[in-house]
Amino acid sequence: MQMAFTYFFRDLHTLELIVKHVIPSVSGFSKVRVWDAGCAMGPEPYSLAIMFAENMGRFAFRNFRVDATDLDGSNLFGKIIGDGVYSDDELKRIPKDLFSKYFQPYAKEGSYKIDEVIRTKVFYQKHDLLSLKPAGSGYNLILCKNVLLHFQPAQRVEVIKMFHGALAPGGYFATEQTQKMPPETACLFEQVAADAQLFRKIELKH
């Protein structure tokens, strides 16, 4: 199950808050890892990568990586994300200065290819969130938009618990504006912005 349609710089407010909170928290880290769970055809993970590139500095950005995952029943997502070529319809909400900096016209009319520095930071893999097995571990940020609302409440709780386990200490979790944190997982996170669904991991005391 996936929401295949999306576009670049959707929910810019949350992206800006992620930059404000997450980037200072990873300053000086040797590696910065992000998991975009439910990435569709790539506009969201690439938007994230552009925002981090703009705000981290060139040297720090060398150690940045996004694991972009989705179910992808079409078997198209991997190639589309790997190629990094998108139509102007998907790109029209990108701020003009960022568009001219990170996109070049491509062979096919009305399409553009994303800058190589950004393209090589996003890695696609097919993944089912309901397996409750994370795509990796030690993430500094997990972003999951447009997916949790399709799950049953009990499934949602289990997936969010899995995200908590996959985050590094002090890592962040962001979800859809309309998706409230279930009460069963509220003890796992603290909300860091009153006007966004952005949370920081709380370490459980054993």
N, C-alpha and C. Protein backbone atom coordinates (compact mmCIF):
# COMPACT_ATOMS: atom_id res chain seq x y z
N MET A 1 0.85 -1.19 0.00
CA MET A 1 0.00 0.00 0.00
C MET A 1 0.89 1.24 0.00
N GLN A 2 0.65 2.16 -0.92
CA GLN A 2 1.45 3.37 -0.95
C GLN A 2 0.67 4.50 -1.58
N MET A 3 1.15 5.70 -1.31
CA MET A 3 0.61 6.87 -1.97
C MET A 3 1.66 7.26 -3.00
N ALA A 4 1.42 6.92 -4.26
CA ALA A 4 2.46 7.09 -5.27
C ALA A 4 2.61 8.54 -5.70
N PHE A 5 1.55 9.35 -5.57
CA PHE A 5 1.65 10.72 -6.05
C PHE A 5 2.15 11.65 -4.94
N THR A 6 3.20 12.35 -5.23
CA THR A 6 3.66 13.40 -4.33
C THR A 6 4.44 14.39 -5.17
N TYR A 7 4.99 15.41 -4.55
CA TYR A 7 5.76 16.39 -5.31
C TYR A 7 6.84 16.96 -4.39
N PHE A 8 7.80 17.65 -5.00
CA PHE A 8 8.93 18.19 -4.25
C PHE A 8 8.48 19.33 -3.32
N PHE A 9 9.10 19.35 -2.15
CA PHE A 9 8.89 20.40 -1.15
C PHE A 9 7.44 20.48 -0.66
N ARG A 10 6.78 19.33 -0.62
CA ARG A 10 5.47 19.24 0.00
C ARG A 10 5.66 19.41 1.52
N ASP A 11 4.78 20.11 2.19
CA ASP A 11 4.86 20.36 3.63
C ASP A 11 6.21 20.99 3.99
N LEU A 12 6.48 22.12 3.37
CA LEU A 12 7.74 22.83 3.59
C LEU A 12 7.92 23.21 5.05
N HIS A 13 6.81 23.49 5.74
CA HIS A 13 6.89 23.88 7.15
C HIS A 13 7.59 22.79 7.98
N THR A 14 7.18 21.54 7.78
CA THR A 14 7.81 20.44 8.53
C THR A 14 9.27 20.27 8.11
N LEU A 15 9.57 20.42 6.84
CA LEU A 15 10.96 20.33 6.39
C LEU A 15 11.83 21.38 7.08
N GLU A 16 11.29 22.58 7.18
CA GLU A 16 12.06 23.66 7.83
C GLU A 16 12.27 23.38 9.31
N LEU A 17 11.26 22.80 9.97
CA LEU A 17 11.42 22.46 11.39
C LEU A 17 12.41 21.32 11.59
N ILE A 18 12.41 20.37 10.66
CA ILE A 18 13.39 19.28 10.71
C ILE A 18 14.80 19.87 10.65
N VAL A 19 15.00 20.78 9.70
CA VAL A 19 16.31 21.44 9.58
C VAL A 19 16.69 22.15 10.88
N LYS A 20 15.72 22.88 11.44
CA LYS A 20 15.98 23.68 12.65
C LYS A 20 16.38 22.80 13.83
N HIS A 21 15.72 21.64 13.99
CA HIS A 21 15.96 20.80 15.16
C HIS A 21 17.01 19.71 14.92
N VAL A 22 16.94 19.06 13.76
CA VAL A 22 17.79 17.88 13.55
C VAL A 22 19.23 18.26 13.25
N ILE A 23 19.43 19.25 12.39
CA ILE A 23 20.81 19.55 11.97
C ILE A 23 21.69 19.97 13.15
N PRO A 24 21.24 20.84 14.07
CA PRO A 24 22.10 21.12 15.23
C PRO A 24 22.39 19.87 16.08
N SER A 25 21.44 18.94 16.13
CA SER A 25 21.62 17.75 16.97
C SER A 25 22.64 16.78 16.40
N VAL A 26 22.94 16.88 15.09
CA VAL A 26 23.89 15.94 14.48
C VAL A 26 25.21 16.63 14.13
N SER A 27 25.35 17.87 14.57
CA SER A 27 26.59 18.61 14.29
C SER A 27 27.80 17.83 14.82
N GLY A 28 28.76 17.60 13.95
CA GLY A 28 29.97 16.88 14.35
C GLY A 28 29.88 15.38 14.25
N PHE A 29 28.70 14.83 13.90
CA PHE A 29 28.57 13.38 13.76
C PHE A 29 29.36 12.89 12.55
N SER A 30 29.95 11.71 12.67
CA SER A 30 30.69 11.15 11.53
C SER A 30 29.75 10.63 10.46
N LYS A 31 28.52 10.26 10.84
CA LYS A 31 27.51 9.81 9.87
C LYS A 31 26.15 10.37 10.27
N VAL A 32 25.37 10.77 9.29
CA VAL A 32 24.00 11.21 9.52
C VAL A 32 23.09 10.35 8.66
N ARG A 33 22.17 9.64 9.32
CA ARG A 33 21.32 8.66 8.64
C ARG A 33 19.85 9.04 8.78
N VAL A 34 19.14 9.03 7.65
CA VAL A 34 17.72 9.34 7.60
C VAL A 34 16.99 8.17 6.94
N TRP A 35 15.82 7.83 7.46
CA TRP A 35 14.96 6.82 6.83
C TRP A 35 13.66 7.51 6.44
N ASP A 36 13.38 7.53 5.13
CA ASP A 36 12.10 8.02 4.63
C ASP A 36 11.24 6.80 4.31
N ALA A 37 10.30 6.50 5.19
CA ALA A 37 9.47 5.30 5.07
C ALA A 37 8.17 5.66 4.36
N GLY A 38 8.00 5.13 3.15
CA GLY A 38 6.86 5.51 2.32
C GLY A 38 7.26 6.65 1.39
N CYS A 39 8.35 6.45 0.67
CA CYS A 39 8.98 7.53 -0.09
C CYS A 39 8.33 7.76 -1.45
N ALA A 40 7.40 6.88 -1.86
CA ALA A 40 6.83 6.94 -3.21
C ALA A 40 7.95 7.06 -4.24
N MET A 41 7.80 7.96 -5.20
CA MET A 41 8.77 7.97 -6.31
C MET A 41 9.94 8.92 -6.09
N GLY A 42 10.13 9.39 -4.85
CA GLY A 42 11.36 10.07 -4.52
C GLY A 42 11.36 11.57 -4.25
N PRO A 43 10.28 12.31 -4.60
CA PRO A 43 10.35 13.75 -4.32
C PRO A 43 10.61 14.08 -2.85
N GLU A 44 10.03 13.32 -1.92
CA GLU A 44 10.22 13.64 -0.50
C GLU A 44 11.65 13.40 -0.03
N PRO A 45 12.25 12.21 -0.25
CA PRO A 45 13.64 12.05 0.21
C PRO A 45 14.60 13.00 -0.48
N TYR A 46 14.36 13.30 -1.75
CA TYR A 46 15.23 14.26 -2.42
C TYR A 46 15.05 15.68 -1.87
N SER A 47 13.80 16.05 -1.53
CA SER A 47 13.58 17.36 -0.90
C SER A 47 14.34 17.45 0.42
N LEU A 48 14.28 16.38 1.21
CA LEU A 48 15.02 16.34 2.48
C LEU A 48 16.51 16.50 2.24
N ALA A 49 17.03 15.76 1.26
CA ALA A 49 18.47 15.82 0.99
C ALA A 49 18.89 17.23 0.57
N ILE A 50 18.06 17.90 -0.23
CA ILE A 50 18.38 19.28 -0.64
C ILE A 50 18.41 20.20 0.58
N MET A 51 17.43 20.05 1.47
CA MET A 51 17.37 20.90 2.67
C MET A 51 18.60 20.68 3.56
N PHE A 52 19.01 19.42 3.70
CA PHE A 52 20.20 19.14 4.50
C PHE A 52 21.45 19.68 3.81
N ALA A 53 21.53 19.52 2.49
CA ALA A 53 22.70 20.04 1.76
C ALA A 53 22.83 21.54 1.93
N GLU A 54 21.71 22.24 1.91
CA GLU A 54 21.70 23.69 2.03
C GLU A 54 22.12 24.16 3.42
N ASN A 55 21.88 23.34 4.42
CA ASN A 55 22.04 23.80 5.81
C ASN A 55 23.15 23.10 6.59
N MET A 56 23.72 22.04 6.05
CA MET A 56 24.77 21.31 6.77
C MET A 56 26.17 21.80 6.44
N GLY A 57 26.33 22.32 5.24
CA GLY A 57 27.68 22.60 4.76
C GLY A 57 28.20 21.42 3.96
N ARG A 58 29.01 21.71 2.97
CA ARG A 58 29.46 20.70 2.01
C ARG A 58 30.21 19.54 2.67
N PHE A 59 31.08 19.86 3.62
CA PHE A 59 31.89 18.81 4.23
C PHE A 59 31.03 17.83 5.03
N ALA A 60 30.15 18.36 5.87
CA ALA A 60 29.29 17.50 6.70
C ALA A 60 28.33 16.69 5.83
N PHE A 61 27.87 17.27 4.72
CA PHE A 61 26.90 16.59 3.87
C PHE A 61 27.50 15.34 3.22
N ARG A 62 28.80 15.27 3.14
CA ARG A 62 29.43 14.06 2.57
C ARG A 62 29.08 12.82 3.38
N ASN A 63 28.76 12.99 4.65
CA ASN A 63 28.47 11.85 5.53
C ASN A 63 26.97 11.61 5.70
N PHE A 64 26.16 12.19 4.82
CA PHE A 64 24.69 12.12 4.91
C PHE A 64 24.17 11.03 3.99
N ARG A 65 23.11 10.32 4.45
CA ARG A 65 22.51 9.26 3.64
C ARG A 65 21.01 9.16 3.97
N VAL A 66 20.19 8.97 2.93
CA VAL A 66 18.77 8.69 3.12
C VAL A 66 18.47 7.29 2.62
N ASP A 67 17.89 6.45 3.48
CA ASP A 67 17.31 5.19 3.05
C ASP A 67 15.84 5.46 2.72
N ALA A 68 15.50 5.35 1.45
CA ALA A 68 14.14 5.64 0.98
C ALA A 68 13.44 4.31 0.70
N THR A 69 12.32 4.06 1.38
CA THR A 69 11.66 2.76 1.24
C THR A 69 10.18 2.91 0.93
N ASP A 70 9.65 1.90 0.25
CA ASP A 70 8.22 1.82 -0.02
C ASP A 70 7.93 0.39 -0.48
N LEU A 71 6.65 0.06 -0.56
CA LEU A 71 6.27 -1.27 -1.05
C LEU A 71 6.45 -1.38 -2.56
N ASP A 72 6.00 -0.39 -3.30
CA ASP A 72 6.18 -0.31 -4.75
C ASP A 72 5.69 -1.55 -5.49
N GLY A 73 4.38 -1.72 -5.55
CA GLY A 73 3.82 -2.80 -6.34
C GLY A 73 4.10 -2.67 -7.82
N SER A 74 4.46 -1.47 -8.28
CA SER A 74 4.70 -1.23 -9.71
C SER A 74 6.12 -1.62 -10.13
N ASN A 75 7.03 -1.80 -9.16
CA ASN A 75 8.45 -2.05 -9.45
C ASN A 75 9.10 -0.94 -10.28
N LEU A 76 8.58 0.27 -10.13
CA LEU A 76 9.14 1.40 -10.87
C LEU A 76 9.94 2.35 -9.99
N PHE A 77 9.66 2.34 -8.69
CA PHE A 77 10.23 3.37 -7.81
C PHE A 77 11.75 3.36 -7.81
N GLY A 78 12.34 2.17 -7.75
CA GLY A 78 13.79 2.07 -7.69
C GLY A 78 14.47 2.72 -8.87
N LYS A 79 13.96 2.47 -10.07
CA LYS A 79 14.55 3.06 -11.27
C LYS A 79 14.34 4.57 -11.30
N ILE A 80 13.11 5.02 -10.97
CA ILE A 80 12.83 6.46 -11.00
C ILE A 80 13.73 7.21 -10.02
N ILE A 81 13.82 6.68 -8.80
CA ILE A 81 14.67 7.34 -7.79
C ILE A 81 16.14 7.26 -8.19
N GLY A 82 16.55 6.12 -8.72
CA GLY A 82 17.94 5.97 -9.14
C GLY A 82 18.32 6.92 -10.27
N ASP A 83 17.40 7.10 -11.21
CA ASP A 83 17.68 8.01 -12.33
C ASP A 83 17.64 9.47 -11.89
N GLY A 84 16.72 9.80 -10.96
CA GLY A 84 16.60 11.18 -10.48
C GLY A 84 16.07 12.15 -11.53
N VAL A 85 15.19 11.65 -12.41
CA VAL A 85 14.61 12.51 -13.46
C VAL A 85 13.12 12.69 -13.18
N TYR A 86 12.67 13.96 -13.19
CA TYR A 86 11.28 14.27 -12.84
C TYR A 86 10.70 15.30 -13.80
N SER A 87 9.37 15.27 -13.93
CA SER A 87 8.69 16.23 -14.81
C SER A 87 8.52 17.57 -14.11
N ASP A 88 8.31 18.62 -14.90
CA ASP A 88 8.18 19.94 -14.28
C ASP A 88 6.93 20.04 -13.41
N ASP A 89 5.93 19.20 -13.63
CA ASP A 89 4.74 19.17 -12.75
C ASP A 89 5.11 18.87 -11.30
N GLU A 90 6.05 17.93 -11.12
CA GLU A 90 6.45 17.53 -9.77
C GLU A 90 7.40 18.54 -9.13
N LEU A 91 7.95 19.43 -9.94
CA LEU A 91 9.01 20.33 -9.48
C LEU A 91 8.55 21.76 -9.27
N LYS A 92 7.31 22.08 -9.63
CA LYS A 92 6.92 23.49 -9.70
C LYS A 92 6.83 24.20 -8.35
N ARG A 93 6.80 23.45 -7.25
CA ARG A 93 6.72 24.10 -5.93
C ARG A 93 8.11 24.33 -5.31
N ILE A 94 9.14 23.95 -6.01
CA ILE A 94 10.50 24.15 -5.48
C ILE A 94 10.86 25.64 -5.55
N PRO A 95 11.37 26.21 -4.46
CA PRO A 95 11.84 27.60 -4.54
C PRO A 95 12.80 27.78 -5.71
N LYS A 96 12.66 28.90 -6.44
CA LYS A 96 13.38 29.09 -7.71
C LYS A 96 14.89 28.97 -7.56
N ASP A 97 15.43 29.52 -6.48
CA ASP A 97 16.89 29.47 -6.32
C ASP A 97 17.38 28.04 -6.15
N LEU A 98 16.61 27.22 -5.43
CA LEU A 98 16.99 25.82 -5.24
C LEU A 98 16.81 25.01 -6.53
N PHE A 99 15.76 25.35 -7.27
CA PHE A 99 15.52 24.65 -8.54
C PHE A 99 16.69 24.86 -9.49
N SER A 100 17.12 26.11 -9.64
CA SER A 100 18.21 26.39 -10.59
C SER A 100 19.54 25.79 -10.11
N LYS A 101 19.67 25.64 -8.80
CA LYS A 101 20.93 25.11 -8.25
C LYS A 101 21.01 23.59 -8.37
N TYR A 102 19.88 22.89 -8.20
CA TYR A 102 19.92 21.44 -8.05
C TYR A 102 19.29 20.65 -9.21
N PHE A 103 18.78 21.33 -10.24
CA PHE A 103 18.16 20.62 -11.36
C PHE A 103 18.65 21.15 -12.70
N GLN A 104 18.90 20.23 -13.62
CA GLN A 104 19.30 20.59 -14.97
C GLN A 104 18.30 19.98 -15.96
N PRO A 105 18.02 20.69 -17.07
CA PRO A 105 17.13 20.12 -18.09
C PRO A 105 17.66 18.76 -18.56
N TYR A 106 16.74 17.85 -18.79
CA TYR A 106 17.10 16.51 -19.22
C TYR A 106 16.70 16.34 -20.69
N ALA A 107 17.14 15.24 -21.29
CA ALA A 107 16.92 15.00 -22.72
C ALA A 107 15.44 15.10 -23.10
N LYS A 108 14.58 14.51 -22.27
CA LYS A 108 13.15 14.53 -22.58
C LYS A 108 12.58 15.90 -22.24
N GLU A 109 11.84 16.49 -23.17
CA GLU A 109 11.30 17.84 -22.97
C GLU A 109 10.39 17.89 -21.74
N GLY A 110 10.54 18.96 -20.94
CA GLY A 110 9.71 19.12 -19.75
C GLY A 110 10.15 18.28 -18.57
N SER A 111 11.36 17.71 -18.64
CA SER A 111 11.86 16.92 -17.51
C SER A 111 13.25 17.42 -17.11
N TYR A 112 13.59 17.16 -15.85
CA TYR A 112 14.83 17.67 -15.28
C TYR A 112 15.49 16.58 -14.44
N LYS A 113 16.81 16.63 -14.42
CA LYS A 113 17.58 15.64 -13.64
C LYS A 113 18.15 16.31 -12.40
N ILE A 114 18.06 15.62 -11.28
CA ILE A 114 18.55 16.18 -10.03
C ILE A 114 20.08 16.13 -9.98
N ASP A 115 20.66 17.08 -9.32
CA ASP A 115 22.12 17.18 -9.19
C ASP A 115 22.72 15.88 -8.63
N GLU A 116 23.86 15.53 -9.17
CA GLU A 116 24.50 14.25 -8.81
C GLU A 116 24.87 14.18 -7.34
N VAL A 117 25.28 15.29 -6.75
CA VAL A 117 25.64 15.31 -5.33
C VAL A 117 24.44 14.88 -4.47
N ILE A 118 23.24 15.31 -4.86
CA ILE A 118 22.03 14.95 -4.14
C ILE A 118 21.62 13.51 -4.49
N ARG A 119 21.65 13.19 -5.77
CA ARG A 119 21.17 11.88 -6.23
C ARG A 119 21.90 10.72 -5.55
N THR A 120 23.19 10.89 -5.32
CA THR A 120 23.98 9.80 -4.77
C THR A 120 23.82 9.64 -3.25
N LYS A 121 22.99 10.48 -2.64
CA LYS A 121 22.75 10.37 -1.19
C LYS A 121 21.47 9.61 -0.85
N VAL A 122 20.66 9.29 -1.86
CA VAL A 122 19.36 8.65 -1.63
C VAL A 122 19.41 7.22 -2.17
N PHE A 123 19.12 6.26 -1.31
CA PHE A 123 19.21 4.83 -1.65
C PHE A 123 17.85 4.18 -1.47
N TYR A 124 17.32 3.63 -2.55
CA TYR A 124 15.98 3.04 -2.50
C TYR A 124 16.04 1.54 -2.19
N GLN A 125 15.12 1.07 -1.36
CA GLN A 125 14.91 -0.37 -1.20
C GLN A 125 13.43 -0.64 -0.97
N LYS A 126 12.95 -1.77 -1.48
CA LYS A 126 11.56 -2.17 -1.25
C LYS A 126 11.44 -2.66 0.18
N HIS A 127 10.39 -2.23 0.87
CA HIS A 127 10.27 -2.56 2.29
C HIS A 127 8.82 -2.48 2.72
N ASP A 128 8.40 -3.46 3.53
CA ASP A 128 7.04 -3.51 4.07
C ASP A 128 7.08 -3.13 5.55
N LEU A 129 6.49 -1.99 5.90
CA LEU A 129 6.51 -1.55 7.30
C LEU A 129 5.84 -2.56 8.22
N LEU A 130 4.84 -3.28 7.72
CA LEU A 130 4.11 -4.21 8.58
C LEU A 130 4.91 -5.48 8.87
N SER A 131 6.08 -5.62 8.27
CA SER A 131 6.99 -6.70 8.68
C SER A 131 7.54 -6.41 10.08
N LEU A 132 7.45 -5.14 10.49
CA LEU A 132 7.97 -4.65 11.78
C LEU A 132 9.47 -4.87 11.91
N LYS A 133 10.14 -4.99 10.77
CA LYS A 133 11.61 -5.07 10.74
C LYS A 133 12.11 -3.76 10.12
N PRO A 134 12.91 -3.00 10.83
CA PRO A 134 13.36 -1.71 10.28
C PRO A 134 14.28 -1.88 9.08
N ALA A 135 14.36 -0.83 8.28
CA ALA A 135 15.25 -0.84 7.11
C ALA A 135 16.71 -0.74 7.52
N GLY A 136 16.96 -0.32 8.75
CA GLY A 136 18.31 -0.17 9.25
C GLY A 136 18.23 0.23 10.72
N SER A 137 19.31 0.77 11.24
CA SER A 137 19.31 1.17 12.66
C SER A 137 20.16 2.43 12.84
N GLY A 138 20.02 3.03 14.01
CA GLY A 138 20.82 4.21 14.33
C GLY A 138 20.47 5.43 13.53
N TYR A 139 19.19 5.55 13.13
CA TYR A 139 18.78 6.71 12.34
C TYR A 139 18.69 7.97 13.20
N ASN A 140 19.11 9.08 12.63
CA ASN A 140 18.98 10.38 13.29
C ASN A 140 17.61 10.99 13.05
N LEU A 141 16.95 10.56 11.96
CA LEU A 141 15.62 11.04 11.62
C LEU A 141 14.88 9.94 10.87
N ILE A 142 13.62 9.71 11.25
CA ILE A 142 12.73 8.86 10.47
C ILE A 142 11.53 9.71 10.08
N LEU A 143 11.24 9.74 8.80
CA LEU A 143 10.09 10.48 8.27
C LEU A 143 9.11 9.48 7.69
N CYS A 144 7.86 9.56 8.12
CA CYS A 144 6.84 8.64 7.59
C CYS A 144 5.55 9.42 7.36
N LYS A 145 5.30 9.74 6.11
CA LYS A 145 4.12 10.53 5.72
C LYS A 145 3.20 9.67 4.87
N ASN A 146 1.90 9.90 4.97
CA ASN A 146 0.93 9.29 4.05
C ASN A 146 0.84 7.77 4.12
N VAL A 147 1.42 7.17 5.14
CA VAL A 147 1.38 5.71 5.24
C VAL A 147 0.61 5.27 6.47
N LEU A 148 0.95 5.85 7.63
CA LEU A 148 0.34 5.40 8.88
C LEU A 148 -1.18 5.51 8.87
N LEU A 149 -1.70 6.50 8.15
CA LEU A 149 -3.15 6.69 8.14
C LEU A 149 -3.88 5.54 7.43
N HIS A 150 -3.13 4.73 6.68
CA HIS A 150 -3.74 3.58 6.01
C HIS A 150 -3.77 2.33 6.89
N PHE A 151 -3.09 2.38 8.03
CA PHE A 151 -3.00 1.20 8.90
C PHE A 151 -4.12 1.21 9.94
N GLN A 152 -4.43 0.03 10.45
CA GLN A 152 -5.32 -0.09 11.59
C GLN A 152 -4.62 0.50 12.82
N PRO A 153 -5.38 1.00 13.81
CA PRO A 153 -4.74 1.62 14.98
C PRO A 153 -3.68 0.74 15.65
N ALA A 154 -3.97 -0.55 15.81
CA ALA A 154 -2.99 -1.43 16.47
C ALA A 154 -1.72 -1.58 15.63
N GLN A 155 -1.87 -1.62 14.30
CA GLN A 155 -0.71 -1.70 13.41
C GLN A 155 0.13 -0.43 13.52
N ARG A 156 -0.56 0.69 13.58
CA ARG A 156 0.12 1.98 13.69
C ARG A 156 1.01 2.02 14.93
N VAL A 157 0.48 1.56 16.03
CA VAL A 157 1.23 1.53 17.29
C VAL A 157 2.49 0.69 17.15
N GLU A 158 2.36 -0.49 16.55
CA GLU A 158 3.52 -1.39 16.42
C GLU A 158 4.57 -0.80 15.49
N VAL A 159 4.13 -0.15 14.42
CA VAL A 159 5.09 0.46 13.48
C VAL A 159 5.83 1.61 14.17
N ILE A 160 5.13 2.42 14.94
CA ILE A 160 5.79 3.53 15.63
C ILE A 160 6.78 3.00 16.68
N LYS A 161 6.43 1.92 17.36
CA LYS A 161 7.38 1.29 18.30
C LYS A 161 8.63 0.82 17.55
N MET A 162 8.43 0.25 16.36
CA MET A 162 9.57 -0.18 15.55
C MET A 162 10.44 1.02 15.15
N PHE A 163 9.81 2.14 14.78
CA PHE A 163 10.58 3.35 14.46
C PHE A 163 11.41 3.79 15.67
N HIS A 164 10.79 3.76 16.86
CA HIS A 164 11.51 4.16 18.09
C HIS A 164 12.78 3.33 18.26
N GLY A 165 12.66 2.03 18.04
CA GLY A 165 13.82 1.16 18.18
C GLY A 165 14.89 1.40 17.13
N ALA A 166 14.48 1.89 15.95
CA ALA A 166 15.44 2.10 14.86
C ALA A 166 16.15 3.45 14.95
N LEU A 167 15.66 4.34 15.82
CA LEU A 167 16.28 5.66 15.97
C LEU A 167 17.50 5.59 16.88
N ALA A 168 18.48 6.39 16.56
CA ALA A 168 19.62 6.59 17.45
C ALA A 168 19.13 7.34 18.70
N PRO A 169 19.87 7.29 19.80
CA PRO A 169 19.50 8.09 20.98
C PRO A 169 19.32 9.56 20.58
N GLY A 170 18.21 10.14 20.99
CA GLY A 170 17.94 11.54 20.67
C GLY A 170 17.49 11.77 19.24
N GLY A 171 17.21 10.68 18.50
CA GLY A 171 16.78 10.82 17.11
C GLY A 171 15.37 11.37 17.00
N TYR A 172 15.00 11.80 15.81
CA TYR A 172 13.72 12.47 15.57
C TYR A 172 12.81 11.64 14.67
N PHE A 173 11.51 11.80 14.89
CA PHE A 173 10.48 11.15 14.09
C PHE A 173 9.48 12.21 13.64
N ALA A 174 9.20 12.23 12.34
CA ALA A 174 8.23 13.19 11.80
C ALA A 174 7.17 12.44 11.00
N THR A 175 5.93 12.89 11.14
CA THR A 175 4.84 12.26 10.41
C THR A 175 3.88 13.31 9.87
N GLU A 176 2.84 12.84 9.21
CA GLU A 176 1.85 13.70 8.58
C GLU A 176 1.21 14.66 9.60
N GLN A 177 0.93 15.88 9.17
CA GLN A 177 0.32 16.88 10.07
C GLN A 177 -0.98 16.38 10.68
N THR A 178 -1.75 15.62 9.91
CA THR A 178 -3.06 15.15 10.39
C THR A 178 -2.96 13.89 11.25
N GLN A 179 -1.75 13.32 11.36
CA GLN A 179 -1.58 12.05 12.06
C GLN A 179 -1.10 12.28 13.49
N LYS A 180 -1.98 12.14 14.45
CA LYS A 180 -1.59 12.37 15.84
C LYS A 180 -0.88 11.15 16.42
N MET A 181 -0.02 11.39 17.39
CA MET A 181 0.70 10.30 18.06
C MET A 181 -0.30 9.46 18.88
N PRO A 182 -0.35 8.13 18.67
CA PRO A 182 -1.26 7.31 19.47
C PRO A 182 -0.90 7.38 20.96
N PRO A 183 -1.89 7.34 21.86
CA PRO A 183 -1.58 7.41 23.30
C PRO A 183 -0.66 6.28 23.76
N GLU A 184 -0.75 5.12 23.08
CA GLU A 184 0.09 3.96 23.48
C GLU A 184 1.58 4.21 23.26
N THR A 185 1.92 5.14 22.35
CA THR A 185 3.34 5.40 22.07
C THR A 185 3.78 6.79 22.54
N ALA A 186 2.88 7.52 23.19
CA ALA A 186 3.20 8.89 23.61
C ALA A 186 4.39 8.93 24.57
N CYS A 187 4.58 7.86 25.36
CA CYS A 187 5.69 7.84 26.32
C CYS A 187 7.05 7.65 25.65
N LEU A 188 7.04 7.32 24.35
CA LEU A 188 8.30 7.03 23.63
C LEU A 188 8.93 8.29 23.02
N PHE A 189 8.13 9.36 22.92
CA PHE A 189 8.59 10.56 22.22
C PHE A 189 8.13 11.82 22.94
N GLU A 190 8.89 12.90 22.73
CA GLU A 190 8.43 14.22 23.14
C GLU A 190 8.22 15.06 21.88
N GLN A 191 7.11 15.77 21.82
CA GLN A 191 6.84 16.63 20.68
C GLN A 191 7.70 17.87 20.79
N VAL A 192 8.40 18.21 19.70
CA VAL A 192 9.36 19.32 19.78
C VAL A 192 8.85 20.60 19.12
N ALA A 193 7.73 20.51 18.43
CA ALA A 193 7.14 21.70 17.81
C ALA A 193 5.63 21.62 17.95
N ALA A 194 5.05 22.65 18.51
CA ALA A 194 3.61 22.62 18.78
C ALA A 194 2.79 22.58 17.49
N ASP A 195 3.34 23.11 16.41
CA ASP A 195 2.58 23.22 15.17
C ASP A 195 3.03 22.22 14.10
N ALA A 196 3.64 21.11 14.53
CA ALA A 196 4.04 20.06 13.58
C ALA A 196 4.15 18.73 14.32
N GLN A 197 3.98 17.66 13.56
CA GLN A 197 4.11 16.33 14.14
C GLN A 197 5.58 15.89 14.05
N LEU A 198 6.39 16.59 14.83
CA LEU A 198 7.83 16.31 14.90
C LEU A 198 8.17 15.97 16.34
N PHE A 199 8.81 14.83 16.54
CA PHE A 199 9.03 14.29 17.88
C PHE A 199 10.49 13.88 18.05
N ARG A 200 10.94 13.91 19.32
CA ARG A 200 12.28 13.42 19.63
C ARG A 200 12.16 12.16 20.49
N LYS A 201 13.02 11.21 20.21
CA LYS A 201 12.99 9.94 20.93
C LYS A 201 13.32 10.12 22.41
N ILE A 202 12.52 9.47 23.25
CA ILE A 202 12.81 9.40 24.68
C ILE A 202 13.39 8.02 24.95
N GLU A 203 14.50 7.97 25.66
CA GLU A 203 15.10 6.68 26.00
C GLU A 203 14.30 6.04 27.12
N LEU A 204 13.97 4.80 26.95
CA LEU A 204 13.22 4.07 27.99
C LEU A 204 14.16 3.66 29.11
N LYS A 205 13.70 3.85 30.35
CA LYS A 205 14.52 3.42 31.49
C LYS A 205 14.21 1.96 31.78
N HIS A 206 15.28 1.20 31.92
CA HIS A 206 15.09 -0.25 32.17
C HIS A 206 15.09 -0.52 33.67
